Amino acid sequence: ATRKPGLVTGHAWGFLFSCAFVFVHMFTRQALFELKTAQND
């Protein structure tokens, strides 16, 4: 967004989908790790 200031307003749906895309991937990875290390936590 810093490289393309109009990205958030001019391409809002694409930007929101991009955020959701990354978040779901990262959250899935972290949640699976938490299942593995639950007892240790």
Full PDB file with SEQRES, HELIX, SHEET, SSBOND, CRYST1, ORIGX, SCALE, CONECT and MASTER records, all heavy atoms in Angstrom:
SEQRES   1 A   41  ALA THR ARG LYS PRO GLY LEU VAL THR GLY HIS ALA TRP          
SEQRES   2 A   41  GLY PHE LEU PHE SER CYS ALA PHE VAL PHE VAL HIS MET          
SEQRES   3 A   41  PHE THR ARG GLN ALA LEU PHE GLU LEU LYS THR ALA GLN          
SEQRES   4 A   41  ASN ASP                                                      
HELIX    1 AA1 LEU A    7  GLY A   10  1                                   4    
HELIX    2 AA2 ALA A   12  LYS A   36  1                                  25    
CRYST1    1.000    1.000    1.000  90.00  90.00  90.00 P 1           1          
ORIGX1      1.000000  0.000000  0.000000        0.00000                         
ORIGX2      0.000000  1.000000  0.000000        0.00000                         
ORIGX3      0.000000  0.000000  1.000000        0.00000                         
SCALE1      1.000000  0.000000  0.000000        0.00000                         
SCALE2      0.000000  1.000000  0.000000        0.00000                         
SCALE3      0.000000  0.000000  1.000000        0.00000                         
ATOM      1  N   ALA A   1       0.824  -1.209   0.000  1.00  0.00           N  
ATOM      2  CA  ALA A   1       0.000   0.000   0.000  1.00  0.00           C  
ATOM      3  C   ALA A   1       0.860   1.263   0.000  1.00  0.00           C  
ATOM      4  O   ALA A   1       0.464   2.282  -0.566  1.00  0.00           O  
ATOM      5  CB  ALA A   1      -0.927   0.000   1.212  1.00  0.00           C  
ATOM      6  N   THR A   2       2.040   1.203   0.618  1.00  0.00           N  
ATOM      7  CA  THR A   2       2.934   2.373   0.605  1.00  0.00           C  
ATOM      8  C   THR A   2       3.510   2.624  -0.786  1.00  0.00           C  
ATOM      9  O   THR A   2       3.838   3.759  -1.129  1.00  0.00           O  
ATOM     10  CB  THR A   2       4.107   2.182   1.598  1.00  0.00           C  
ATOM     11  OG1 THR A   2       4.878   1.038   1.214  1.00  0.00           O  
ATOM     12  CG2 THR A   2       3.597   2.006   3.017  1.00  0.00           C  
ATOM     13  N   ARG A   3       3.630   1.560  -1.573  1.00  0.00           N  
ATOM     14  CA  ARG A   3       4.156   1.704  -2.934  1.00  0.00           C  
ATOM     15  C   ARG A   3       3.087   2.202  -3.904  1.00  0.00           C  
ATOM     16  O   ARG A   3       3.402   2.757  -4.948  1.00  0.00           O  
ATOM     17  CB  ARG A   3       4.689   0.346  -3.437  1.00  0.00           C  
ATOM     18  CG  ARG A   3       5.715  -0.294  -2.522  1.00  0.00           C  
ATOM     19  CD  ARG A   3       7.020   0.461  -2.481  1.00  0.00           C  
ATOM     20  NE  ARG A   3       7.711   0.450  -3.762  1.00  0.00           N  
ATOM     21  CZ  ARG A   3       8.916   0.974  -3.955  1.00  0.00           C  
ATOM     22  NH1 ARG A   3       9.549   1.569  -2.974  1.00  0.00           N  
ATOM     23  NH2 ARG A   3       9.481   0.913  -5.141  1.00  0.00           N  
ATOM     24  N   LYS A   4       1.821   1.982  -3.539  1.00  0.00           N  
ATOM     25  CA  LYS A   4       0.719   2.401  -4.396  1.00  0.00           C  
ATOM     26  C   LYS A   4      -0.372   2.996  -3.506  1.00  0.00           C  
ATOM     27  O   LYS A   4      -1.295   2.289  -3.081  1.00  0.00           O  
ATOM     28  CB  LYS A   4       0.181   1.190  -5.180  1.00  0.00           C  
ATOM     29  CG  LYS A   4      -0.828   1.536  -6.258  1.00  0.00           C  
ATOM     30  CD  LYS A   4      -1.245   0.275  -7.014  1.00  0.00           C  
ATOM     31  CE  LYS A   4      -2.285   0.593  -8.082  1.00  0.00           C  
ATOM     32  NZ  LYS A   4      -2.715  -0.629  -8.820  1.00  0.00           N  
ATOM     33  N   PRO A   5      -0.262   4.289  -3.167  1.00  0.00           N  
ATOM     34  CA  PRO A   5      -1.169   4.917  -2.203  1.00  0.00           C  
ATOM     35  C   PRO A   5      -2.654   4.767  -2.533  1.00  0.00           C  
ATOM     36  O   PRO A   5      -3.489   4.687  -1.634  1.00  0.00           O  
ATOM     37  CB  PRO A   5      -0.747   6.391  -2.250  1.00  0.00           C  
ATOM     38  CG  PRO A   5       0.685   6.361  -2.698  1.00  0.00           C  
ATOM     39  CD  PRO A   5       0.767   5.214  -3.654  1.00  0.00           C  
ATOM     40  N   GLY A   6      -3.013   4.713  -3.814  1.00  0.00           N  
ATOM     41  CA  GLY A   6      -4.423   4.600  -4.179  1.00  0.00           C  
ATOM     42  C   GLY A   6      -4.958   3.185  -4.154  1.00  0.00           C  
ATOM     43  O   GLY A   6      -6.110   2.939  -4.535  1.00  0.00           O  
ATOM     44  N   LEU A   7      -4.134   2.243  -3.696  1.00  0.00           N  
ATOM     45  CA  LEU A   7      -4.517   0.829  -3.732  1.00  0.00           C  
ATOM     46  C   LEU A   7      -5.699   0.540  -2.818  1.00  0.00           C  
ATOM     47  O   LEU A   7      -6.639  -0.157  -3.204  1.00  0.00           O  
ATOM     48  CB  LEU A   7      -3.318  -0.035  -3.315  1.00  0.00           C  
ATOM     49  CG  LEU A   7      -3.554  -1.549  -3.217  1.00  0.00           C  
ATOM     50  CD1 LEU A   7      -3.874  -2.121  -4.586  1.00  0.00           C  
ATOM     51  CD2 LEU A   7      -2.332  -2.250  -2.634  1.00  0.00           C  
ATOM     52  N   VAL A   8      -5.686   1.091  -1.613  1.00  0.00           N  
ATOM     53  CA  VAL A   8      -6.715   0.785  -0.618  1.00  0.00           C  
ATOM     54  C   VAL A   8      -8.068   1.336  -1.048  1.00  0.00           C  
ATOM     55  O   VAL A   8      -9.100   0.677  -0.927  1.00  0.00           O  
ATOM     56  CB  VAL A   8      -6.316   1.343   0.770  1.00  0.00           C  
ATOM     57  CG1 VAL A   8      -7.384   1.013   1.803  1.00  0.00           C  
ATOM     58  CG2 VAL A   8      -4.977   0.769   1.202  1.00  0.00           C  
ATOM     59  N   THR A   9      -8.099   2.545  -1.572  1.00  0.00           N  
ATOM     60  CA  THR A   9      -9.368   3.163  -1.964  1.00  0.00           C  
ATOM     61  C   THR A   9      -9.796   2.774  -3.376  1.00  0.00           C  
ATOM     62  O   THR A   9     -10.965   2.501  -3.622  1.00  0.00           O  
ATOM     63  CB  THR A   9      -9.253   4.698  -1.869  1.00  0.00           C  
ATOM     64  OG1 THR A   9      -8.113   5.127  -2.643  1.00  0.00           O  
ATOM     65  CG2 THR A   9      -9.069   5.130  -0.423  1.00  0.00           C  
ATOM     66  N   GLY A  10      -8.851   2.740  -4.291  1.00  0.00           N  
ATOM     67  CA  GLY A  10      -9.195   2.462  -5.689  1.00  0.00           C  
ATOM     68  C   GLY A  10      -9.365   0.996  -6.008  1.00  0.00           C  
ATOM     69  O   GLY A  10      -9.984   0.653  -7.023  1.00  0.00           O  
ATOM     70  N   HIS A  11      -8.827   0.128  -5.167  1.00  0.00           N  
ATOM     71  CA  HIS A  11      -8.898  -1.313  -5.415  1.00  0.00           C  
ATOM     72  C   HIS A  11      -9.265  -2.011  -4.104  1.00  0.00           C  
ATOM     73  O   HIS A  11      -8.629  -2.974  -3.677  1.00  0.00           O  
ATOM     74  CB  HIS A  11      -7.536  -1.792  -5.942  1.00  0.00           C  
ATOM     75  CG  HIS A  11      -7.567  -3.115  -6.632  1.00  0.00           C  
ATOM     76  ND1 HIS A  11      -8.326  -3.362  -7.761  1.00  0.00           N  
ATOM     77  CD2 HIS A  11      -6.937  -4.282  -6.367  1.00  0.00           C  
ATOM     78  CE1 HIS A  11      -8.144  -4.614  -8.156  1.00  0.00           C  
ATOM     79  NE2 HIS A  11      -7.304  -5.206  -7.313  1.00  0.00           N  
ATOM     80  N   ALA A  12     -10.309  -1.469  -3.453  1.00  0.00           N  
ATOM     81  CA  ALA A  12     -10.636  -1.853  -2.074  1.00  0.00           C  
ATOM     82  C   ALA A  12     -10.942  -3.340  -1.930  1.00  0.00           C  
ATOM     83  O   ALA A  12     -10.420  -4.001  -1.021  1.00  0.00           O  
ATOM     84  CB  ALA A  12     -11.813  -1.023  -1.568  1.00  0.00           C  
ATOM     85  N   TRP A  13     -11.780  -3.890  -2.815  1.00  0.00           N  
ATOM     86  CA  TRP A  13     -12.167  -5.301  -2.683  1.00  0.00           C  
ATOM     87  C   TRP A  13     -10.965  -6.225  -2.891  1.00  0.00           C  
ATOM     88  O   TRP A  13     -10.806  -7.226  -2.195  1.00  0.00           O  
ATOM     89  CB  TRP A  13     -13.290  -5.646  -3.655  1.00  0.00           C  
ATOM     90  CG  TRP A  13     -14.627  -5.161  -3.200  1.00  0.00           C  
ATOM     91  CD1 TRP A  13     -15.365  -4.160  -3.765  1.00  0.00           C  
ATOM     92  CD2 TRP A  13     -15.375  -5.640  -2.077  1.00  0.00           C  
ATOM     93  NE1 TRP A  13     -16.535  -3.973  -3.052  1.00  0.00           N  
ATOM     94  CE2 TRP A  13     -16.577  -4.878  -2.017  1.00  0.00           C  
ATOM     95  CE3 TRP A  13     -15.166  -6.624  -1.117  1.00  0.00           C  
ATOM     96  CZ2 TRP A  13     -17.540  -5.070  -1.036  1.00  0.00           C  
ATOM     97  CZ3 TRP A  13     -16.127  -6.825  -0.142  1.00  0.00           C  
ATOM     98  CH2 TRP A  13     -17.291  -6.059  -0.106  1.00  0.00           C  
ATOM     99  N   GLY A  14     -10.143  -5.879  -3.866  1.00  0.00           N  
ATOM    100  CA  GLY A  14      -8.937  -6.669  -4.097  1.00  0.00           C  
ATOM    101  C   GLY A  14      -7.993  -6.611  -2.913  1.00  0.00           C  
ATOM    102  O   GLY A  14      -7.388  -7.621  -2.526  1.00  0.00           O  
ATOM    103  N   PHE A  15      -7.880  -5.419  -2.308  1.00  0.00           N  
ATOM    104  CA  PHE A  15      -7.005  -5.255  -1.155  1.00  0.00           C  
ATOM    105  C   PHE A  15      -7.531  -6.044   0.048  1.00  0.00           C  
ATOM    106  O   PHE A  15      -6.753  -6.715   0.752  1.00  0.00           O  
ATOM    107  CB  PHE A  15      -6.894  -3.770  -0.796  1.00  0.00           C  
ATOM    108  CG  PHE A  15      -5.920  -3.486   0.317  1.00  0.00           C  
ATOM    109  CD1 PHE A  15      -4.551  -3.516   0.099  1.00  0.00           C  
ATOM    110  CD2 PHE A  15      -6.385  -3.193   1.593  1.00  0.00           C  
ATOM    111  CE1 PHE A  15      -3.660  -3.267   1.126  1.00  0.00           C  
ATOM    112  CE2 PHE A  15      -5.494  -2.937   2.628  1.00  0.00           C  
ATOM    113  CZ  PHE A  15      -4.125  -2.970   2.388  1.00  0.00           C  
ATOM    114  N   LEU A  16      -8.848  -5.997   0.268  1.00  0.00           N  
ATOM    115  CA  LEU A  16      -9.444  -6.762   1.376  1.00  0.00           C  
ATOM    116  C   LEU A  16      -9.277  -8.265   1.159  1.00  0.00           C  
ATOM    117  O   LEU A  16      -8.991  -9.010   2.089  1.00  0.00           O  
ATOM    118  CB  LEU A  16     -10.931  -6.405   1.515  1.00  0.00           C  
ATOM    119  CG  LEU A  16     -11.245  -5.037   2.099  1.00  0.00           C  
ATOM    120  CD1 LEU A  16     -12.738  -4.745   2.019  1.00  0.00           C  
ATOM    121  CD2 LEU A  16     -10.775  -4.936   3.552  1.00  0.00           C  
ATOM    122  N   PHE A  17      -9.462  -8.706  -0.089  1.00  0.00           N  
ATOM    123  CA  PHE A  17      -9.278 -10.131  -0.383  1.00  0.00           C  
ATOM    124  C   PHE A  17      -7.826 -10.543  -0.158  1.00  0.00           C  
ATOM    125  O   PHE A  17      -7.544 -11.623   0.351  1.00  0.00           O  
ATOM    126  CB  PHE A  17      -9.690 -10.437  -1.825  1.00  0.00           C  
ATOM    127  CG  PHE A  17      -9.432 -11.869  -2.227  1.00  0.00           C  
ATOM    128  CD1 PHE A  17     -10.227 -12.890  -1.737  1.00  0.00           C  
ATOM    129  CD2 PHE A  17      -8.371 -12.188  -3.056  1.00  0.00           C  
ATOM    130  CE1 PHE A  17      -9.983 -14.214  -2.080  1.00  0.00           C  
ATOM    131  CE2 PHE A  17      -8.120 -13.508  -3.410  1.00  0.00           C  
ATOM    132  CZ  PHE A  17      -8.926 -14.522  -2.918  1.00  0.00           C  
ATOM    133  N   SER A  18      -6.903  -9.665  -0.534  1.00  0.00           N  
ATOM    134  CA  SER A  18      -5.489  -9.941  -0.332  1.00  0.00           C  
ATOM    135  C   SER A  18      -5.175 -10.101   1.156  1.00  0.00           C  
ATOM    136  O   SER A  18      -4.452 -11.015   1.557  1.00  0.00           O  
ATOM    137  CB  SER A  18      -4.649  -8.798  -0.922  1.00  0.00           C  
ATOM    138  OG  SER A  18      -3.292  -8.971  -0.628  1.00  0.00           O  
ATOM    139  N   CYS A  19      -5.741  -9.213   1.979  1.00  0.00           N  
ATOM    140  CA  CYS A  19      -5.543  -9.308   3.435  1.00  0.00           C  
ATOM    141  C   CYS A  19      -6.121 -10.621   3.969  1.00  0.00           C  
ATOM    142  O   CYS A  19      -5.488 -11.308   4.785  1.00  0.00           O  
ATOM    143  CB  CYS A  19      -6.198  -8.122   4.141  1.00  0.00           C  
ATOM    144  SG  CYS A  19      -5.392  -6.535   3.828  1.00  0.00           S  
ATOM    145  N   ALA A  20      -7.327 -10.967   3.510  1.00  0.00           N  
ATOM    146  CA  ALA A  20      -7.961 -12.210   3.966  1.00  0.00           C  
ATOM    147  C   ALA A  20      -7.165 -13.430   3.507  1.00  0.00           C  
ATOM    148  O   ALA A  20      -7.013 -14.408   4.251  1.00  0.00           O  
ATOM    149  CB  ALA A  20      -9.387 -12.283   3.418  1.00  0.00           C  
ATOM    150  N   PHE A  21      -6.639 -13.354   2.295  1.00  0.00           N  
ATOM    151  CA  PHE A  21      -5.848 -14.449   1.719  1.00  0.00           C  
ATOM    152  C   PHE A  21      -4.628 -14.756   2.592  1.00  0.00           C  
ATOM    153  O   PHE A  21      -4.375 -15.909   2.960  1.00  0.00           O  
ATOM    154  CB  PHE A  21      -5.417 -14.033   0.302  1.00  0.00           C  
ATOM    155  CG  PHE A  21      -4.623 -15.070  -0.441  1.00  0.00           C  
ATOM    156  CD1 PHE A  21      -5.245 -16.179  -0.995  1.00  0.00           C  
ATOM    157  CD2 PHE A  21      -3.246 -14.934  -0.594  1.00  0.00           C  
ATOM    158  CE1 PHE A  21      -4.510 -17.132  -1.689  1.00  0.00           C  
ATOM    159  CE2 PHE A  21      -2.508 -15.879  -1.283  1.00  0.00           C  
ATOM    160  CZ  PHE A  21      -3.142 -16.979  -1.831  1.00  0.00           C  
ATOM    161  N   VAL A  22      -3.874 -13.716   2.943  1.00  0.00           N  
ATOM    162  CA  VAL A  22      -2.675 -13.892   3.761  1.00  0.00           C  
ATOM    163  C   VAL A  22      -3.046 -14.326   5.177  1.00  0.00           C  
ATOM    164  O   VAL A  22      -2.429 -15.218   5.751  1.00  0.00           O  
ATOM    165  CB  VAL A  22      -1.841 -12.586   3.795  1.00  0.00           C  
ATOM    166  CG1 VAL A  22      -0.630 -12.752   4.718  1.00  0.00           C  
ATOM    167  CG2 VAL A  22      -1.386 -12.210   2.398  1.00  0.00           C  
ATOM    168  N   PHE A  23      -4.069 -13.668   5.747  1.00  0.00           N  
ATOM    169  CA  PHE A  23      -4.451 -13.958   7.132  1.00  0.00           C  
ATOM    170  C   PHE A  23      -4.878 -15.412   7.304  1.00  0.00           C  
ATOM    171  O   PHE A  23      -4.466 -16.087   8.251  1.00  0.00           O  
ATOM    172  CB  PHE A  23      -5.592 -13.034   7.577  1.00  0.00           C  
ATOM    173  CG  PHE A  23      -6.015 -13.266   9.002  1.00  0.00           C  
ATOM    174  CD1 PHE A  23      -5.327 -12.677  10.049  1.00  0.00           C  
ATOM    175  CD2 PHE A  23      -7.098 -14.082   9.288  1.00  0.00           C  
ATOM    176  CE1 PHE A  23      -5.706 -12.901  11.366  1.00  0.00           C  
ATOM    177  CE2 PHE A  23      -7.487 -14.320  10.604  1.00  0.00           C  
ATOM    178  CZ  PHE A  23      -6.790 -13.728  11.647  1.00  0.00           C  
ATOM    179  N   VAL A  24      -5.713 -15.918   6.384  1.00  0.00           N  
ATOM    180  CA  VAL A  24      -6.190 -17.299   6.498  1.00  0.00           C  
ATOM    181  C   VAL A  24      -5.029 -18.280   6.378  1.00  0.00           C  
ATOM    182  O   VAL A  24      -4.951 -19.262   7.123  1.00  0.00           O  
ATOM    183  CB  VAL A  24      -7.279 -17.591   5.436  1.00  0.00           C  
ATOM    184  CG1 VAL A  24      -7.586 -19.087   5.377  1.00  0.00           C  
ATOM    185  CG2 VAL A  24      -8.549 -16.820   5.766  1.00  0.00           C  
ATOM    186  N   HIS A  25      -4.110 -18.023   5.445  1.00  0.00           N  
ATOM    187  CA  HIS A  25      -2.947 -18.903   5.304  1.00  0.00           C  
ATOM    188  C   HIS A  25      -2.116 -18.934   6.586  1.00  0.00           C  
ATOM    189  O   HIS A  25      -1.737 -20.001   7.083  1.00  0.00           O  
ATOM    190  CB  HIS A  25      -2.071 -18.430   4.136  1.00  0.00           C  
ATOM    191  CG  HIS A  25      -2.487 -18.973   2.811  1.00  0.00           C  
ATOM    192  ND1 HIS A  25      -3.614 -18.533   2.156  1.00  0.00           N  
ATOM    193  CD2 HIS A  25      -1.952 -19.938   2.023  1.00  0.00           C  
ATOM    194  CE1 HIS A  25      -3.730 -19.180   1.011  1.00  0.00           C  
ATOM    195  NE2 HIS A  25      -2.743 -20.051   0.912  1.00  0.00           N  
ATOM    196  N   MET A  26      -1.830 -17.748   7.130  1.00  0.00           N  
ATOM    197  CA  MET A  26      -0.988 -17.670   8.325  1.00  0.00           C  
ATOM    198  C   MET A  26      -1.715 -18.226   9.547  1.00  0.00           C  
ATOM    199  O   MET A  26      -1.123 -18.933  10.369  1.00  0.00           O  
ATOM    200  CB  MET A  26      -0.581 -16.216   8.582  1.00  0.00           C  
ATOM    201  CG  MET A  26       0.410 -15.663   7.588  1.00  0.00           C  
ATOM    202  SD  MET A  26       1.919 -16.665   7.434  1.00  0.00           S  
ATOM    203  CE  MET A  26       2.484 -16.688   9.130  1.00  0.00           C  
ATOM    204  N   PHE A  27      -2.997 -17.917   9.684  1.00  0.00           N  
ATOM    205  CA  PHE A  27      -3.752 -18.395  10.841  1.00  0.00           C  
ATOM    206  C   PHE A  27      -3.866 -19.920  10.822  1.00  0.00           C  
ATOM    207  O   PHE A  27      -3.778 -20.575  11.866  1.00  0.00           O  
ATOM    208  CB  PHE A  27      -5.147 -17.763  10.852  1.00  0.00           C  
ATOM    209  CG  PHE A  27      -5.959 -18.134  12.068  1.00  0.00           C  
ATOM    210  CD1 PHE A  27      -5.697 -17.547  13.293  1.00  0.00           C  
ATOM    211  CD2 PHE A  27      -6.980 -19.064  11.981  1.00  0.00           C  
ATOM    212  CE1 PHE A  27      -6.437 -17.886  14.419  1.00  0.00           C  
ATOM    213  CE2 PHE A  27      -7.721 -19.417  13.095  1.00  0.00           C  
ATOM    214  CZ  PHE A  27      -7.447 -18.822  14.324  1.00  0.00           C  
ATOM    215  N   THR A  28      -4.061 -20.493   9.632  1.00  0.00           N  
ATOM    216  CA  THR A  28      -4.134 -21.955   9.509  1.00  0.00           C  
ATOM    217  C   THR A  28      -2.824 -22.592   9.958  1.00  0.00           C  
ATOM    218  O   THR A  28      -2.817 -23.560  10.725  1.00  0.00           O  
ATOM    219  CB  THR A  28      -4.434 -22.354   8.046  1.00  0.00           C  
ATOM    220  OG1 THR A  28      -5.689 -21.783   7.660  1.00  0.00           O  
ATOM    221  CG2 THR A  28      -4.501 -23.868   7.899  1.00  0.00           C  
ATOM    222  N   ARG A  29      -1.711 -22.036   9.500  1.00  0.00           N  
ATOM    223  CA  ARG A  29      -0.399 -22.571   9.884  1.00  0.00           C  
ATOM    224  C   ARG A  29      -0.187 -22.485  11.397  1.00  0.00           C  
ATOM    225  O   ARG A  29       0.238 -23.450  12.042  1.00  0.00           O  
ATOM    226  CB  ARG A  29       0.699 -21.801   9.148  1.00  0.00           C  
ATOM    227  CG  ARG A  29       2.094 -22.301   9.480  1.00  0.00           C  
ATOM    228  CD  ARG A  29       3.164 -21.512   8.719  1.00  0.00           C  
ATOM    229  NE  ARG A  29       4.484 -22.076   9.005  1.00  0.00           N  
ATOM    230  CZ  ARG A  29       5.215 -21.767  10.057  1.00  0.00           C  
ATOM    231  NH1 ARG A  29       4.758 -20.884  10.940  1.00  0.00           N  
ATOM    232  NH2 ARG A  29       6.404 -22.317  10.251  1.00  0.00           N  
ATOM    233  N   GLN A  30      -0.490 -21.324  11.972  1.00  0.00           N  
ATOM    234  CA  GLN A  30      -0.260 -21.127  13.408  1.00  0.00           C  
ATOM    235  C   GLN A  30      -1.204 -21.991  14.253  1.00  0.00           C  
ATOM    236  O   GLN A  30      -0.805 -22.532  15.286  1.00  0.00           O  
ATOM    237  CB  GLN A  30      -0.445 -19.654  13.769  1.00  0.00           C  
ATOM    238  CG  GLN A  30       0.625 -18.732  13.201  1.00  0.00           C  
ATOM    239  CD  GLN A  30       2.030 -19.148  13.605  1.00  0.00           C  
ATOM    240  OE1 GLN A  30       2.927 -19.232  12.764  1.00  0.00           O  
ATOM    241  NE2 GLN A  30       2.226 -19.428  14.871  1.00  0.00           N  
ATOM    242  N   ALA A  31      -2.457 -22.115  13.809  1.00  0.00           N  
ATOM    243  CA  ALA A  31      -3.420 -22.922  14.565  1.00  0.00           C  
ATOM    244  C   ALA A  31      -3.016 -24.392  14.567  1.00  0.00           C  
ATOM    245  O   ALA A  31      -3.138 -25.078  15.589  1.00  0.00           O  
ATOM    246  CB  ALA A  31      -4.826 -22.758  13.977  1.00  0.00           C  
ATOM    247  N   LEU A  32      -2.515 -24.885  13.438  1.00  0.00           N  
ATOM    248  CA  LEU A  32      -2.046 -26.273  13.380  1.00  0.00           C  
ATOM    249  C   LEU A  32      -0.847 -26.482  14.301  1.00  0.00           C  
ATOM    250  O   LEU A  32      -0.714 -27.528  14.942  1.00  0.00           O  
ATOM    251  CB  LEU A  32      -1.688 -26.644  11.937  1.00  0.00           C  
ATOM    252  CG  LEU A  32      -2.875 -26.784  10.973  1.00  0.00           C  
ATOM    253  CD1 LEU A  32      -2.386 -27.008   9.550  1.00  0.00           C  
ATOM    254  CD2 LEU A  32      -3.791 -27.923  11.396  1.00  0.00           C  
ATOM    255  N   PHE A  33       0.016 -25.486  14.392  1.00  0.00           N  
ATOM    256  CA  PHE A  33       1.149 -25.578  15.315  1.00  0.00           C  
ATOM    257  C   PHE A  33       0.673 -25.590  16.763  1.00  0.00           C  
ATOM    258  O   PHE A  33       1.252 -26.274  17.608  1.00  0.00           O  
ATOM    259  CB  PHE A  33       2.113 -24.410  15.089  1.00  0.00           C  
ATOM    260  CG  PHE A  33       3.255 -24.765  14.182  1.00  0.00           C  
ATOM    261  CD1 PHE A  33       3.314 -24.280  12.895  1.00  0.00           C  
ATOM    262  CD2 PHE A  33       4.278 -25.595  14.618  1.00  0.00           C  
ATOM    263  CE1 PHE A  33       4.364 -24.606  12.050  1.00  0.00           C  
ATOM    264  CE2 PHE A  33       5.330 -25.927  13.781  1.00  0.00           C  
ATOM    265  CZ  PHE A  33       5.371 -25.433  12.496  1.00  0.00           C  
ATOM    266  N   GLU A  34      -0.359 -24.818  17.046  1.00  0.00           N  
ATOM    267  CA  GLU A  34      -0.878 -24.788  18.417  1.00  0.00           C  
ATOM    268  C   GLU A  34      -1.503 -26.123  18.796  1.00  0.00           C  
ATOM    269  O   GLU A  34      -1.445 -26.529  19.959  1.00  0.00           O  
ATOM    270  CB  GLU A  34      -1.887 -23.647  18.586  1.00  0.00           C  
ATOM    271  CG  GLU A  34      -1.236 -22.286  18.670  1.00  0.00           C  
ATOM    272  CD  GLU A  34      -2.118 -21.258  19.357  1.00  0.00           C  
ATOM    273  OE1 GLU A  34      -3.067 -21.648  20.054  1.00  0.00           O  
ATOM    274  OE2 GLU A  34      -1.852 -20.062  19.181  1.00  0.00           O  
ATOM    275  N   LEU A  35      -2.107 -26.805  17.838  1.00  0.00           N  
ATOM    276  CA  LEU A  35      -2.630 -28.148  18.119  1.00  0.00           C  
ATOM    277  C   LEU A  35      -1.478 -29.086  18.483  1.00  0.00           C  
ATOM    278  O   LEU A  35      -1.610 -29.948  19.355  1.00  0.00           O  
ATOM    279  CB  LEU A  35      -3.376 -28.696  16.899  1.00  0.00           C  
ATOM    280  CG  LEU A  35      -4.719 -28.051  16.551  1.00  0.00           C  
ATOM    281  CD1 LEU A  35      -5.284 -28.674  15.284  1.00  0.00           C  
ATOM    282  CD2 LEU A  35      -5.709 -28.204  17.684  1.00  0.00           C  
ATOM    283  N   LYS A  36      -0.343 -28.891  17.823  1.00  0.00           N  
ATOM    284  CA  LYS A  36       0.817 -29.742  18.063  1.00  0.00           C  
ATOM    285  C   LYS A  36       1.463 -29.455  19.414  1.00  0.00           C  
ATOM    286  O   LYS A  36       1.935 -30.371  20.102  1.00  0.00           O  
ATOM    287  CB  LYS A  36       1.831 -29.525  16.936  1.00  0.00           C  
ATOM    288  CG  LYS A  36       3.093 -30.359  17.059  1.00  0.00           C  
ATOM    289  CD  LYS A  36       4.065 -30.027  15.936  1.00  0.00           C  
ATOM    290  CE  LYS A  36       5.374 -30.789  16.095  1.00  0.00           C  
ATOM    291  NZ  LYS A  36       6.350 -30.445  15.039  1.00  0.00           N  
ATOM    292  N   THR A  37       1.496 -28.176  19.812  1.00  0.00           N  
ATOM    293  CA  THR A  37       2.218 -27.784  21.036  1.00  0.00           C  
ATOM    294  C   THR A  37       1.268 -27.426  22.178  1.00  0.00           C  
ATOM    295  O   THR A  37       1.671 -26.732  23.109  1.00  0.00           O  
ATOM    296  CB  THR A  37       3.128 -26.575  20.741  1.00  0.00           C  
ATOM    297  OG1 THR A  37       2.316 -25.464  20.311  1.00  0.00           O  
ATOM    298  CG2 THR A  37       4.147 -26.896  19.665  1.00  0.00           C  
ATOM    299  N   ALA A  38       0.032 -27.918  22.125  1.00  0.00           N  
ATOM    300  CA  ALA A  38      -0.973 -27.533  23.121  1.00  0.00           C  
ATOM    301  C   ALA A  38      -0.547 -27.884  24.544  1.00  0.00           C  
ATOM    302  O   ALA A  38      -0.667 -27.074  25.466  1.00  0.00           O  
ATOM    303  CB  ALA A  38      -2.305 -28.207  22.794  1.00  0.00           C  
ATOM    304  N   GLN A  39      -0.035 -29.105  24.728  1.00  0.00           N  
ATOM    305  CA  GLN A  39       0.355 -29.541  26.062  1.00  0.00           C  
ATOM    306  C   GLN A  39       1.518 -28.697  26.591  1.00  0.00           C  
ATOM    307  O   GLN A  39       1.548 -28.299  27.751  1.00  0.00           O  
ATOM    308  CB  GLN A  39       0.753 -31.020  26.036  1.00  0.00           C  
ATOM    309  CG  GLN A  39       1.041 -31.605  27.416  1.00  0.00           C  
ATOM    310  CD  GLN A  39       1.315 -33.097  27.362  1.00  0.00           C  
ATOM    311  OE1 GLN A  39       1.242 -33.704  26.298  1.00  0.00           O  
ATOM    312  NE2 GLN A  39       1.624 -33.684  28.497  1.00  0.00           N  
ATOM    313  N   ASN A  40       2.458 -28.412  25.729  1.00  0.00           N  
ATOM    314  CA  ASN A  40       3.605 -27.604  26.113  1.00  0.00           C  
ATOM    315  C   ASN A  40       3.186 -26.182  26.488  1.00  0.00           C  
ATOM    316  O   ASN A  40       3.711 -25.584  27.435  1.00  0.00           O  
ATOM    317  CB  ASN A  40       4.601 -27.576  24.961  1.00  0.00           C  
ATOM    318  CG  ASN A  40       5.939 -27.015  25.375  1.00  0.00           C  
ATOM    319  OD1 ASN A  40       6.543 -27.492  26.316  1.00  0.00           O  
ATOM    320  ND2 ASN A  40       6.397 -26.012  24.667  1.00  0.00           N  
ATOM    321  N   ASP A  41       2.224 -25.617  25.740  1.00  0.00           N  
ATOM    322  CA  ASP A  41       1.737 -24.268  26.039  1.00  0.00           C  
ATOM    323  C   ASP A  41       1.077 -24.218  27.413  1.00  0.00           C  
ATOM    324  O   ASP A  41       1.243 -23.245  28.161  1.00  0.00           O  
ATOM    325  CB  ASP A  41       0.730 -23.820  24.967  1.00  0.00           C  
ATOM    326  CG  ASP A  41       1.412 -23.485  23.643  1.00  0.00           C  
ATOM    327  OD1 ASP A  41       2.640 -23.279  23.641  1.00  0.00           O  
ATOM    328  OD2 ASP A  41       0.713 -23.433  22.611  1.00  0.00           O  
TER     329      ASP A  41                                                      
MASTER        0    0    0    2    0    0    0    6  328    1    0    4          
END                                                                             
